[in-house]
N, C-alpha and C. Protein backbone atom coordinates (compact mmCIF):
# COMPACT_ATOMS: atom_id res chain seq x y z
N MET A 1 236.60 155.35 135.57
CA MET A 1 235.92 155.75 136.78
C MET A 1 236.98 156.17 137.80
N LEU A 2 236.71 157.27 138.43
CA LEU A 2 237.60 157.77 139.46
C LEU A 2 236.85 157.84 140.77
N VAL A 3 237.43 157.27 141.81
CA VAL A 3 236.89 157.41 143.16
C VAL A 3 238.00 158.04 143.98
N ALA A 4 237.70 159.15 144.62
CA ALA A 4 238.71 159.88 145.39
C ALA A 4 238.12 160.34 146.71
N ARG A 5 238.98 160.71 147.61
CA ARG A 5 238.55 161.19 148.91
C ARG A 5 239.42 162.36 149.30
N MET A 6 238.84 163.29 150.02
CA MET A 6 239.62 164.41 150.55
C MET A 6 238.98 164.93 151.82
N ASN A 7 239.78 165.54 152.66
CA ASN A 7 239.25 166.22 153.84
C ASN A 7 238.75 167.58 153.41
N ARG A 8 237.68 168.06 154.03
CA ARG A 8 237.12 169.36 153.69
C ARG A 8 237.75 170.50 154.49
N SER A 9 238.62 170.16 155.43
CA SER A 9 239.30 171.19 156.21
C SER A 9 240.69 170.69 156.59
N PRO A 10 241.59 171.61 156.94
CA PRO A 10 242.96 171.19 157.30
C PRO A 10 243.01 170.22 158.48
N CYS A 11 242.08 170.38 159.44
CA CYS A 11 242.10 169.52 160.62
C CYS A 11 241.47 168.15 160.35
N GLY A 12 240.68 168.05 159.28
CA GLY A 12 240.05 166.78 158.93
C GLY A 12 238.73 166.53 159.63
N TYR A 13 238.23 167.51 160.39
CA TYR A 13 236.99 167.32 161.12
C TYR A 13 235.88 168.26 160.66
N PHE A 14 235.87 168.63 159.40
CA PHE A 14 234.83 169.51 158.87
C PHE A 14 233.46 168.91 159.13
N ASN A 15 232.56 169.70 159.66
CA ASN A 15 231.16 169.32 159.87
C ASN A 15 230.99 168.19 160.88
N ASP A 16 231.99 167.94 161.74
CA ASP A 16 231.85 166.94 162.79
C ASP A 16 231.38 167.66 164.05
N PRO A 17 230.14 167.39 164.49
CA PRO A 17 229.59 168.14 165.63
C PRO A 17 230.33 167.87 166.94
N ASP A 18 231.05 166.76 167.03
CA ASP A 18 231.74 166.41 168.27
C ASP A 18 233.20 166.85 168.31
N ALA A 19 233.73 167.33 167.21
CA ALA A 19 235.14 167.73 167.17
C ALA A 19 235.26 169.23 167.40
N PRO A 20 236.35 169.63 168.03
CA PRO A 20 236.55 171.07 168.22
C PRO A 20 236.86 171.75 166.89
N VAL A 21 236.36 172.95 166.72
CA VAL A 21 236.63 173.72 165.50
C VAL A 21 238.02 174.33 165.64
N THR A 22 238.95 173.88 164.81
CA THR A 22 240.33 174.38 164.90
C THR A 22 240.73 175.22 163.70
N SER A 23 239.86 175.26 162.69
CA SER A 23 240.16 176.03 161.48
C SER A 23 239.11 177.12 161.29
N SER A 24 239.57 178.31 160.95
CA SER A 24 238.64 179.40 160.66
C SER A 24 238.01 179.16 159.29
N PRO A 25 236.87 179.82 159.01
CA PRO A 25 236.28 179.69 157.68
C PRO A 25 237.25 180.08 156.57
N ALA A 26 238.07 181.11 156.81
CA ALA A 26 239.04 181.53 155.79
C ALA A 26 240.09 180.44 155.56
N GLU A 27 240.55 179.80 156.63
CA GLU A 27 241.53 178.71 156.48
C GLU A 27 240.92 177.53 155.72
N MET A 28 239.66 177.22 156.02
CA MET A 28 239.01 176.11 155.32
C MET A 28 238.84 176.44 153.84
N GLN A 29 238.46 177.68 153.53
CA GLN A 29 238.29 178.08 152.13
C GLN A 29 239.63 178.04 151.39
N ARG A 30 240.68 178.51 152.04
CA ARG A 30 242.01 178.48 151.44
C ARG A 30 242.45 177.04 151.20
N TYR A 31 242.16 176.16 152.15
CA TYR A 31 242.49 174.74 152.03
C TYR A 31 241.74 174.12 150.85
N LEU A 32 240.43 174.38 150.76
CA LEU A 32 239.63 173.83 149.67
C LEU A 32 240.02 174.38 148.31
N SER A 33 240.50 175.61 148.29
CA SER A 33 240.84 176.23 147.00
C SER A 33 242.11 175.62 146.38
N LYS A 34 242.80 174.78 147.12
CA LYS A 34 243.97 174.10 146.56
C LYS A 34 243.58 173.09 145.49
N VAL A 35 242.34 172.63 145.54
CA VAL A 35 241.83 171.73 144.50
C VAL A 35 241.11 172.61 143.50
N SER A 36 241.52 172.55 142.25
CA SER A 36 240.99 173.48 141.26
C SER A 36 239.52 173.23 140.97
N GLY A 37 238.79 174.32 140.79
CA GLY A 37 237.38 174.26 140.42
C GLY A 37 237.15 173.47 139.15
N PRO A 38 237.95 173.72 138.10
CA PRO A 38 237.76 172.96 136.86
C PRO A 38 237.94 171.45 137.06
N LEU A 39 238.84 171.04 137.96
CA LEU A 39 238.99 169.61 138.24
C LEU A 39 237.74 169.09 138.94
N LEU A 40 237.30 169.78 139.98
CA LEU A 40 236.09 169.36 140.70
C LEU A 40 234.88 169.33 139.77
N ASP A 41 234.87 170.24 138.83
CA ASP A 41 233.76 170.36 137.89
C ASP A 41 233.63 169.13 136.99
N ARG A 42 234.68 168.34 136.90
CA ARG A 42 234.66 167.17 136.03
C ARG A 42 234.34 165.88 136.78
N ILE A 43 234.10 166.02 138.07
CA ILE A 43 233.72 164.87 138.89
C ILE A 43 232.21 164.96 139.10
N ASP A 44 231.48 163.94 138.65
CA ASP A 44 230.02 164.00 138.63
C ASP A 44 229.37 163.96 140.00
N ILE A 45 229.86 163.15 140.89
CA ILE A 45 229.19 162.97 142.17
C ILE A 45 230.16 163.26 143.30
N HIS A 46 229.74 164.16 144.19
CA HIS A 46 230.50 164.50 145.39
C HIS A 46 229.59 164.22 146.58
N ILE A 47 230.06 163.46 147.53
CA ILE A 47 229.25 163.16 148.71
C ILE A 47 230.03 163.54 149.95
N GLU A 48 229.39 164.35 150.78
CA GLU A 48 229.99 164.73 152.04
C GLU A 48 229.58 163.70 153.08
N VAL A 49 230.56 163.10 153.74
CA VAL A 49 230.30 162.05 154.72
C VAL A 49 230.70 162.56 156.09
N THR A 50 229.77 162.51 157.02
CA THR A 50 230.08 162.91 158.40
C THR A 50 230.48 161.66 159.18
N PRO A 51 231.24 161.84 160.25
CA PRO A 51 231.66 160.68 161.05
C PRO A 51 230.45 159.92 161.60
N VAL A 52 230.58 158.61 161.65
CA VAL A 52 229.51 157.76 162.17
C VAL A 52 229.89 157.33 163.58
N PRO A 53 229.04 157.63 164.57
CA PRO A 53 229.37 157.23 165.95
C PRO A 53 229.38 155.72 166.11
N PHE A 54 230.13 155.26 167.09
CA PHE A 54 230.28 153.83 167.35
C PHE A 54 228.92 153.14 167.53
N GLU A 55 228.00 153.80 168.23
CA GLU A 55 226.69 153.20 168.49
C GLU A 55 225.97 152.85 167.17
N LYS A 56 226.08 153.72 166.19
CA LYS A 56 225.45 153.46 164.89
C LYS A 56 226.16 152.32 164.16
N LEU A 57 227.48 152.32 164.23
CA LEU A 57 228.26 151.28 163.55
C LEU A 57 227.96 149.89 164.12
N SER A 58 227.70 149.82 165.42
CA SER A 58 227.56 148.53 166.08
C SER A 58 226.12 148.07 166.24
N GLU A 59 225.13 148.84 165.77
CA GLU A 59 223.74 148.41 165.94
C GLU A 59 223.37 147.30 164.96
N ASP A 60 222.31 146.57 165.30
CA ASP A 60 221.89 145.41 164.51
C ASP A 60 220.85 145.76 163.45
N ARG A 61 220.92 146.92 162.91
CA ARG A 61 219.96 147.36 161.90
C ARG A 61 220.35 146.75 160.56
N LYS A 62 219.33 146.31 159.82
CA LYS A 62 219.60 145.73 158.51
C LYS A 62 219.29 146.75 157.42
N GLY A 63 220.21 146.91 156.51
CA GLY A 63 220.00 147.77 155.36
C GLY A 63 219.74 146.91 154.13
N GLU A 64 219.68 147.56 153.00
CA GLU A 64 219.49 146.84 151.75
C GLU A 64 220.72 145.96 151.50
N SER A 65 220.48 144.73 151.11
CA SER A 65 221.60 143.79 150.91
C SER A 65 222.37 144.15 149.64
N SER A 66 223.62 143.74 149.61
CA SER A 66 224.46 143.97 148.43
C SER A 66 223.89 143.28 147.20
N VAL A 67 223.27 142.14 147.39
CA VAL A 67 222.67 141.41 146.28
C VAL A 67 221.53 142.24 145.68
N ASP A 68 220.69 142.81 146.54
CA ASP A 68 219.57 143.64 146.05
C ASP A 68 220.07 144.91 145.37
N ILE A 69 221.09 145.51 145.93
CA ILE A 69 221.66 146.72 145.32
C ILE A 69 222.23 146.38 143.94
N ARG A 70 222.94 145.28 143.87
CA ARG A 70 223.51 144.85 142.58
C ARG A 70 222.41 144.64 141.53
N LYS A 71 221.30 144.04 141.94
CA LYS A 71 220.19 143.82 141.02
C LYS A 71 219.65 145.15 140.49
N ARG A 72 219.48 146.12 141.38
CA ARG A 72 218.98 147.43 140.95
C ARG A 72 219.95 148.12 140.01
N VAL A 73 221.24 148.05 140.32
CA VAL A 73 222.26 148.69 139.49
C VAL A 73 222.32 148.01 138.12
N THR A 74 222.27 146.70 138.11
CA THR A 74 222.29 145.96 136.84
C THR A 74 221.07 146.30 136.00
N ALA A 75 219.90 146.34 136.63
CA ALA A 75 218.66 146.68 135.90
C ALA A 75 218.74 148.10 135.35
N ALA A 76 219.28 149.04 136.12
CA ALA A 76 219.42 150.43 135.65
C ALA A 76 220.39 150.49 134.47
N GLY A 77 221.48 149.73 134.53
CA GLY A 77 222.43 149.70 133.43
C GLY A 77 221.81 149.12 132.16
N GLU A 78 221.01 148.08 132.32
CA GLU A 78 220.33 147.48 131.17
C GLU A 78 219.32 148.46 130.57
N LYS A 79 218.63 149.18 131.43
CA LYS A 79 217.65 150.17 130.97
C LYS A 79 218.36 151.26 130.15
N GLN A 80 219.54 151.69 130.61
CA GLN A 80 220.29 152.71 129.89
C GLN A 80 220.80 152.18 128.55
N THR A 81 221.31 150.97 128.55
CA THR A 81 221.80 150.38 127.30
C THR A 81 220.67 150.29 126.28
N LYS A 82 219.50 149.90 126.73
CA LYS A 82 218.34 149.81 125.83
C LYS A 82 217.93 151.21 125.35
N ARG A 83 217.94 152.20 126.23
CA ARG A 83 217.57 153.57 125.88
C ARG A 83 218.45 154.10 124.74
N PHE A 84 219.71 153.74 124.76
CA PHE A 84 220.68 154.30 123.81
C PHE A 84 221.06 153.31 122.70
N GLU A 85 220.32 152.23 122.53
CA GLU A 85 220.71 151.20 121.58
C GLU A 85 220.83 151.72 120.15
N ASP A 86 220.11 152.77 119.81
CA ASP A 86 220.18 153.32 118.44
C ASP A 86 221.27 154.38 118.28
N LEU A 87 221.98 154.67 119.35
CA LEU A 87 223.02 155.71 119.30
C LEU A 87 224.41 155.07 119.32
N GLU A 88 225.30 155.65 118.56
CA GLU A 88 226.66 155.15 118.50
C GLU A 88 227.48 155.77 119.63
N ASN A 89 228.25 154.99 120.32
CA ASN A 89 229.16 155.44 121.38
C ASN A 89 228.45 156.00 122.61
N VAL A 90 227.17 155.73 122.78
CA VAL A 90 226.47 156.12 124.01
C VAL A 90 225.78 154.87 124.55
N HIS A 91 226.17 154.49 125.76
CA HIS A 91 225.60 153.29 126.38
C HIS A 91 225.03 153.59 127.75
N TYR A 92 225.49 154.68 128.38
CA TYR A 92 225.08 155.03 129.74
C TYR A 92 224.79 156.52 129.83
N ASN A 93 224.04 156.89 130.85
CA ASN A 93 223.65 158.29 131.03
C ASN A 93 224.85 159.24 131.06
N ALA A 94 225.93 158.82 131.68
CA ALA A 94 227.10 159.69 131.80
C ALA A 94 227.69 160.07 130.44
N GLN A 95 227.40 159.31 129.41
CA GLN A 95 227.97 159.56 128.08
C GLN A 95 227.10 160.47 127.21
N MET A 96 225.95 160.90 127.72
CA MET A 96 225.06 161.73 126.92
C MET A 96 225.68 163.10 126.62
N ASN A 97 225.43 163.59 125.41
CA ASN A 97 225.81 164.96 125.08
C ASN A 97 224.62 165.87 125.39
N THR A 98 224.77 167.15 125.15
CA THR A 98 223.73 168.11 125.50
C THR A 98 222.41 167.83 124.79
N LYS A 99 222.47 167.49 123.52
CA LYS A 99 221.25 167.21 122.75
C LYS A 99 220.52 166.00 123.35
N GLN A 100 221.27 164.96 123.71
CA GLN A 100 220.67 163.76 124.28
C GLN A 100 220.11 164.03 125.69
N ILE A 101 220.79 164.88 126.43
CA ILE A 101 220.29 165.25 127.76
C ILE A 101 218.92 165.91 127.62
N ARG A 102 218.79 166.82 126.66
CA ARG A 102 217.51 167.51 126.44
C ARG A 102 216.40 166.53 126.07
N LYS A 103 216.77 165.48 125.35
CA LYS A 103 215.77 164.50 124.91
C LYS A 103 215.37 163.54 126.03
N PHE A 104 216.34 163.04 126.80
CA PHE A 104 216.07 161.99 127.77
C PHE A 104 215.91 162.47 129.21
N CYS A 105 216.11 163.76 129.45
CA CYS A 105 216.02 164.30 130.82
C CYS A 105 215.03 165.46 130.87
N ARG A 106 213.86 165.24 130.37
CA ARG A 106 212.84 166.30 130.36
C ARG A 106 212.33 166.55 131.77
N LEU A 107 212.13 167.84 132.06
CA LEU A 107 211.69 168.23 133.39
C LEU A 107 210.31 168.87 133.35
N ASP A 108 209.53 168.60 134.39
CA ASP A 108 208.27 169.32 134.54
C ASP A 108 208.59 170.72 135.09
N GLU A 109 207.62 171.58 135.13
CA GLU A 109 207.86 172.97 135.54
C GLU A 109 208.38 173.08 136.96
N THR A 110 207.88 172.25 137.86
CA THR A 110 208.33 172.29 139.25
C THR A 110 209.81 171.91 139.35
N SER A 111 210.20 170.86 138.63
CA SER A 111 211.60 170.42 138.65
C SER A 111 212.51 171.46 138.01
N LYS A 112 212.03 172.09 136.94
CA LYS A 112 212.80 173.17 136.30
C LYS A 112 213.04 174.31 137.26
N ALA A 113 211.99 174.70 137.99
CA ALA A 113 212.11 175.80 138.96
C ALA A 113 213.09 175.43 140.07
N LEU A 114 213.05 174.19 140.52
CA LEU A 114 213.96 173.71 141.56
C LEU A 114 215.41 173.79 141.08
N LEU A 115 215.65 173.33 139.86
CA LEU A 115 217.00 173.34 139.31
C LEU A 115 217.47 174.77 139.07
N LYS A 116 216.60 175.62 138.58
CA LYS A 116 216.94 177.03 138.36
C LYS A 116 217.33 177.70 139.68
N ASN A 117 216.56 177.44 140.71
CA ASN A 117 216.84 177.99 142.03
C ASN A 117 218.21 177.54 142.54
N ALA A 118 218.50 176.24 142.37
CA ALA A 118 219.80 175.71 142.81
C ALA A 118 220.94 176.35 142.03
N MET A 119 220.77 176.47 140.72
CA MET A 119 221.82 177.06 139.89
C MET A 119 222.14 178.48 140.35
N GLU A 120 221.10 179.26 140.63
CA GLU A 120 221.29 180.65 141.01
C GLU A 120 221.81 180.82 142.43
N HIS A 121 221.23 180.08 143.37
CA HIS A 121 221.59 180.28 144.78
C HIS A 121 222.86 179.55 145.21
N LEU A 122 223.22 178.47 144.51
CA LEU A 122 224.41 177.73 144.88
C LEU A 122 225.60 178.06 143.98
N ASN A 123 225.38 179.00 143.05
CA ASN A 123 226.45 179.41 142.13
C ASN A 123 227.05 178.22 141.38
N LEU A 124 226.19 177.34 140.87
CA LEU A 124 226.68 176.18 140.15
C LEU A 124 227.07 176.56 138.72
N SER A 125 228.03 175.86 138.20
CA SER A 125 228.52 176.14 136.85
C SER A 125 227.57 175.58 135.80
N ALA A 126 227.77 176.00 134.57
CA ALA A 126 226.97 175.48 133.46
C ALA A 126 227.20 173.98 133.30
N GLY A 127 228.42 173.54 133.52
CA GLY A 127 228.72 172.11 133.43
C GLY A 127 227.97 171.32 134.50
N ALA A 128 227.77 171.94 135.66
CA ALA A 128 227.05 171.27 136.74
C ALA A 128 225.60 171.01 136.34
N TYR A 129 225.04 171.90 135.53
CA TYR A 129 223.65 171.74 135.08
C TYR A 129 223.47 170.40 134.36
N ASP A 130 224.32 170.13 133.38
CA ASP A 130 224.22 168.87 132.64
C ASP A 130 224.50 167.68 133.54
N ARG A 131 225.48 167.80 134.42
CA ARG A 131 225.80 166.69 135.32
C ARG A 131 224.64 166.38 136.25
N ILE A 132 223.98 167.41 136.76
CA ILE A 132 222.83 167.19 137.63
C ILE A 132 221.75 166.41 136.88
N LEU A 133 221.50 166.78 135.64
CA LEU A 133 220.48 166.07 134.86
C LEU A 133 220.87 164.62 134.59
N LYS A 134 222.14 164.37 134.28
CA LYS A 134 222.60 163.00 134.04
C LYS A 134 222.47 162.16 135.31
N VAL A 135 222.89 162.73 136.43
CA VAL A 135 222.81 162.00 137.70
C VAL A 135 221.35 161.78 138.08
N ALA A 136 220.50 162.78 137.89
CA ALA A 136 219.07 162.63 138.18
C ALA A 136 218.45 161.53 137.32
N ARG A 137 218.86 161.46 136.05
CA ARG A 137 218.35 160.41 135.16
C ARG A 137 218.75 159.04 135.70
N THR A 138 219.97 158.92 136.21
CA THR A 138 220.45 157.66 136.78
C THR A 138 219.70 157.32 138.06
N ILE A 139 219.44 158.32 138.89
CA ILE A 139 218.67 158.10 140.12
C ILE A 139 217.27 157.58 139.77
N ALA A 140 216.65 158.17 138.77
CA ALA A 140 215.33 157.70 138.33
C ALA A 140 215.42 156.27 137.80
N ASP A 141 216.47 155.96 137.06
CA ASP A 141 216.65 154.60 136.55
C ASP A 141 216.81 153.60 137.70
N LEU A 142 217.56 153.97 138.72
CA LEU A 142 217.74 153.08 139.87
C LEU A 142 216.43 152.85 140.62
N ALA A 143 215.56 153.85 140.59
CA ALA A 143 214.25 153.74 141.23
C ALA A 143 213.22 153.12 140.29
N ASN A 144 213.66 152.76 139.09
CA ASN A 144 212.79 152.18 138.05
C ASN A 144 211.63 153.11 137.71
N GLU A 145 211.95 154.40 137.61
CA GLU A 145 210.94 155.39 137.26
C GLU A 145 211.25 155.96 135.89
N LYS A 146 210.22 156.09 135.06
CA LYS A 146 210.39 156.53 133.68
C LYS A 146 210.75 158.01 133.58
N ASP A 147 210.04 158.84 134.34
CA ASP A 147 210.21 160.29 134.24
C ASP A 147 211.00 160.84 135.41
N LEU A 148 211.72 161.92 135.15
CA LEU A 148 212.42 162.63 136.22
C LEU A 148 211.40 163.44 137.02
N ASN A 149 211.67 163.58 138.32
CA ASN A 149 210.83 164.43 139.13
C ASN A 149 211.69 165.23 140.11
N GLY A 150 211.05 166.04 140.90
CA GLY A 150 211.77 166.91 141.83
C GLY A 150 212.64 166.16 142.82
N ASN A 151 212.22 164.96 143.23
CA ASN A 151 213.03 164.17 144.16
C ASN A 151 214.36 163.77 143.53
N HIS A 152 214.32 163.38 142.26
CA HIS A 152 215.55 163.00 141.55
C HIS A 152 216.46 164.21 141.41
N ILE A 153 215.89 165.35 141.05
CA ILE A 153 216.68 166.58 140.89
C ILE A 153 217.29 166.99 142.23
N SER A 154 216.49 166.96 143.29
CA SER A 154 216.99 167.35 144.62
C SER A 154 218.15 166.48 145.06
N GLU A 155 218.02 165.17 144.86
CA GLU A 155 219.10 164.27 145.26
C GLU A 155 220.35 164.53 144.43
N ALA A 156 220.18 164.72 143.14
CA ALA A 156 221.33 164.98 142.27
C ALA A 156 222.03 166.29 142.66
N ILE A 157 221.26 167.31 143.02
CA ILE A 157 221.85 168.59 143.44
C ILE A 157 222.73 168.38 144.67
N GLN A 158 222.29 167.54 145.59
CA GLN A 158 223.07 167.29 146.80
C GLN A 158 224.44 166.71 146.48
N TYR A 159 224.54 165.97 145.39
CA TYR A 159 225.80 165.34 145.02
C TYR A 159 226.77 166.33 144.36
N CYS A 160 226.39 167.56 144.20
CA CYS A 160 227.27 168.58 143.59
C CYS A 160 227.84 169.52 144.66
N SER A 161 227.91 169.08 145.89
CA SER A 161 228.28 169.98 146.99
C SER A 161 229.63 170.66 146.82
N LEU A 162 230.61 169.99 146.25
CA LEU A 162 231.93 170.61 146.10
C LEU A 162 232.00 171.56 144.92
N ASN A 163 230.97 171.59 144.10
CA ASN A 163 230.95 172.53 142.97
C ASN A 163 230.50 173.92 143.41
N ARG A 164 230.07 174.05 144.66
CA ARG A 164 229.56 175.32 145.15
C ARG A 164 230.69 176.24 145.52
N GLU A 165 230.49 177.52 145.28
CA GLU A 165 231.49 178.51 145.67
C GLU A 165 231.26 178.89 147.12
N GLY A 166 232.35 179.17 147.84
CA GLY A 166 232.21 179.70 149.20
C GLY A 166 231.86 178.66 150.22
């Protein structure tokens, strides 16, 4: 497992509404192009994080507890292990090959159209297609849902933000 972080612009304030824009779009594109597309293409999940204001950090809002999150993740992992128990060397969604993706990540027509639209309009690679389906399958597992739907596909597409050209 690889966890990495990078700035999306030379100034480090990409997409920060409160920071002054100090880099032109061309400079930001040149900066991003230093990381190779094929390398980014091998990272399944990319999340763009915007700065969190102090007021949000210091509020008394309760989110889902770590214990509850751990339970959901453990249950999703067990579900995947059971799904692949008859397969050799496949224990989790990330390990599926193309044939297994077709079997375990079936899409309804609406979800297919959504994914097709994303592929065409976001200039996603062929590799991104399989990754989106694997991530969507995992999202469905975390939600304890048997079938993939448009919400799972939409969320998975969002995690491919660095795979987009331009």
